[in-house]
Protein backbone atom coordinates (compact mmCIF):
# COMPACT_ATOMS: atom_id res chain seq x y z
CA MET A 1 56.26 126.02 94.26
CA PHE A 2 58.45 123.36 95.96
CA TYR A 3 57.88 120.96 92.77
CA LYS A 4 59.33 123.79 90.68
CA ILE A 5 62.31 124.27 92.90
CA PHE A 6 63.18 120.37 93.15
CA LEU A 7 62.62 119.94 89.37
CA LEU A 8 65.06 122.77 88.52
CA LEU A 9 67.60 121.48 91.11
CA ILE A 10 67.21 118.18 89.68
CA LEU A 11 67.37 119.18 86.01
CA SER A 12 70.74 121.16 86.80
CA VAL A 13 72.35 118.36 88.56
CA ILE A 14 71.57 116.16 85.54
CA ASN A 15 73.01 118.62 83.11
CA THR A 16 76.17 119.06 84.98
CA THR A 17 76.99 115.41 85.39
CA SER A 18 75.72 114.23 81.99
CA ALA A 19 78.20 116.35 80.08
CA GLN A 20 81.44 114.20 79.33
CA LEU A 21 84.62 115.21 77.25
CA ARG A 22 84.87 113.04 73.96
CA CYS A 23 88.21 112.32 72.84
CA TYR A 24 89.82 110.64 69.90
CA ALA A 25 91.26 107.45 70.77
CA CYS A 26 93.82 105.04 68.84
CA SER A 27 97.31 103.89 68.97
CA PHE A 28 100.07 102.13 67.06
CA SER A 29 103.48 101.34 67.59
CA SER A 30 106.58 100.72 64.86
CA VAL A 31 105.47 97.30 64.42
CA ASP A 32 102.12 98.40 63.22
CA SER A 33 101.67 98.40 59.42
CA ASP A 34 98.69 100.40 59.88
CA GLN A 35 99.82 104.28 60.77
CA SER A 36 96.35 105.94 60.29
CA CYS A 37 96.35 106.96 63.79
CA LEU A 38 98.61 109.56 62.83
CA THR A 39 96.07 111.65 60.84
CA ILE A 40 92.43 112.27 62.03
CA THR A 41 89.67 111.39 59.74
CA ASN A 42 85.93 110.68 59.65
CA SER A 43 86.59 107.10 60.87
CA THR A 44 88.89 107.81 63.78
CA ALA A 45 87.74 106.02 66.68
CA THR A 46 86.10 108.52 69.62
CA VAL A 47 85.37 107.62 73.02
CA ASP A 48 83.42 109.36 75.91
CA CYS A 49 85.92 110.30 78.32
CA PRO A 50 85.02 110.31 82.11
CA PHE A 51 87.94 112.21 83.02
CA THR A 52 89.79 115.60 82.42
CA TYR A 53 92.15 115.34 79.77
CA CYS A 54 92.09 114.21 75.77
CA THR A 55 95.63 113.33 75.41
CA ILE A 56 98.47 112.75 72.78
CA MET A 57 101.59 110.56 73.14
CA ARG A 58 104.06 110.82 70.17
CA GLN A 59 107.55 108.73 70.51
CA GLU A 60 109.93 109.30 67.67
CA PHE A 61 113.48 107.49 67.34
CA ILE A 62 116.30 110.04 67.92
CA ASP A 63 118.36 107.68 64.96
CA PRO A 64 116.77 107.40 62.11
CA SER A 65 115.60 110.99 63.10
CA GLY A 66 111.69 111.44 62.86
CA VAL A 67 110.85 107.94 62.52
CA VAL A 68 107.52 107.58 64.72
CA ALA A 69 108.44 104.52 67.21
CA SER A 70 104.86 104.99 69.11
CA PHE A 71 101.74 107.50 68.73
CA THR A 72 98.60 107.14 71.07
CA ARG A 73 95.51 109.17 71.24
CA GLY A 74 93.38 108.61 74.26
CA CYS A 75 91.95 110.22 77.71
CA GLU A 76 93.54 110.38 80.98
CA GLU A 77 92.69 111.60 84.45
CA SER A 78 95.98 112.85 85.04
CA PRO A 79 98.76 112.62 82.24
CA ASP A 80 102.20 112.52 82.86
CA PHE A 81 103.11 115.70 81.16
CA LEU A 82 100.94 118.71 79.43
CA ASN A 83 102.36 119.90 76.30
CA HIS A 84 105.89 118.71 77.10
CA GLU A 85 108.89 117.31 75.13
CA ILE A 86 111.17 114.87 76.46
CA THR A 87 114.44 113.57 74.89
CA ASP A 88 116.74 110.71 75.93
CA PRO A 89 119.46 109.00 74.08
CA THR A 90 117.03 106.75 72.26
CA PHE A 91 113.54 108.66 71.94
CA ARG A 92 112.02 112.33 71.70
CA THR A 93 108.66 111.89 73.01
CA TYR A 94 106.01 114.44 72.88
CA TYR A 95 103.04 114.78 75.30
CA ARG A 96 99.83 116.76 74.62
CA ALA A 97 96.94 117.32 76.57
CA CYS A 98 93.85 119.30 76.29
CA THR A 99 90.24 119.81 77.94
CA ASN A 100 87.91 120.32 75.08
CA ASP A 101 85.76 117.86 72.84
CA LEU A 102 87.79 116.08 70.49
CA CYS A 103 90.77 118.20 70.98
CA ASN A 104 93.59 115.83 70.83
CA ILE A 105 94.11 116.74 66.92
CA GLY A 106 97.35 116.96 65.17
CA ASN A 107 100.48 115.10 64.75
CA GLY A 108 101.73 115.43 68.26
CA ILE A 109 104.59 117.41 67.53
CA GLN A 110 102.87 120.85 67.90
CA SER A 111 100.99 122.02 71.15
CA VAL A 112 97.61 121.03 71.48
CA VAL A 113 95.26 124.02 72.12
CA GLY A 114 91.74 123.45 73.60
CA GLY A 115 90.59 124.28 77.01
CA ASN A 116 92.31 126.06 79.75
CA LEU A 117 95.60 125.03 79.19
CA SER A 118 97.18 126.70 76.40
CA PRO A 119 97.23 130.68 76.54
CA THR A 120 97.32 132.52 73.38
CA PRO A 121 100.04 133.54 72.46
CA GLU A 122 101.56 130.13 72.98
CA TYR A 123 103.93 130.10 76.16
CA ASN A 124 107.27 128.10 75.93
CA GLY A 125 107.88 128.04 79.46
CA LYS A 126 107.33 125.47 82.15
CA ASN A 127 103.43 124.26 82.28
CA LEU A 128 102.11 125.23 85.66
CA LEU A 129 99.14 122.88 86.45
CA VAL A 130 96.69 124.37 89.13
CA PRO A 131 94.59 121.86 90.76
CA GLY A 132 90.99 122.40 91.14
CA THR A 133 90.53 124.34 87.67
CA GLY A 134 88.47 123.64 84.99
CA ASN A 135 84.91 121.97 85.47
CA GLY A 136 84.92 122.84 89.03
CA SER A 137 82.54 125.72 88.20
CA ASN A 138 79.77 123.71 87.10
CA LEU A 139 79.94 121.87 90.86
CA GLN A 140 79.90 125.52 92.34
CA ASN A 141 76.91 126.52 90.40
CA ASN A 142 75.11 123.58 91.81
CA LEU A 143 76.30 124.11 95.31
CA LEU A 144 74.88 127.59 94.97
CA MET A 145 71.39 126.55 93.68
CA LEU A 146 71.00 124.17 96.45
CA ILE A 147 72.02 126.92 99.10
CA VAL A 148 69.48 129.19 97.69
CA THR A 149 66.75 126.62 97.14
CA LEU A 150 67.01 125.03 100.49
CA PRO A 151 66.03 127.92 102.66
CA LEU A 152 63.58 128.50 100.20
CA PHE A 153 61.98 125.04 100.97
CA PHE A 154 61.80 125.69 104.79
CA LEU A 155 60.61 128.79 104.38
CA ASN A 156 57.61 127.58 102.53
CA ILE A 157 58.12 130.41 100.05
């Protein structure tokens, strides 16, 4: 009986820790001739992300309007902004973040949806990020499994 419980515990821990987020990853700047990163295709690179967020950062010149200065798709633990737009005298910068596999799609102008960041319908107010949400439920499930199985082990049930 002990071996079955131990095996179940080990399998649940391995299952939780092996799941990683996958994100598209590419970048370019205005001096690059290859702007394929703007559009997701079958050849767009992906990465196994050890962090929480897939991200997009799109920076456009104010003048000439709409010309992309730089563009990045990637993976981050704690992005500067989640689905936010910042304008200064030189650039308009779009920051996008999501928490599902391969969710950092789109042109970076529209908010990306995926995970528990974007409510439906879309909320256009200020972002509120609550630490401790997201994949914490897997850890709680493993802790609960450990708490339940340890007494069974010591009671020899």
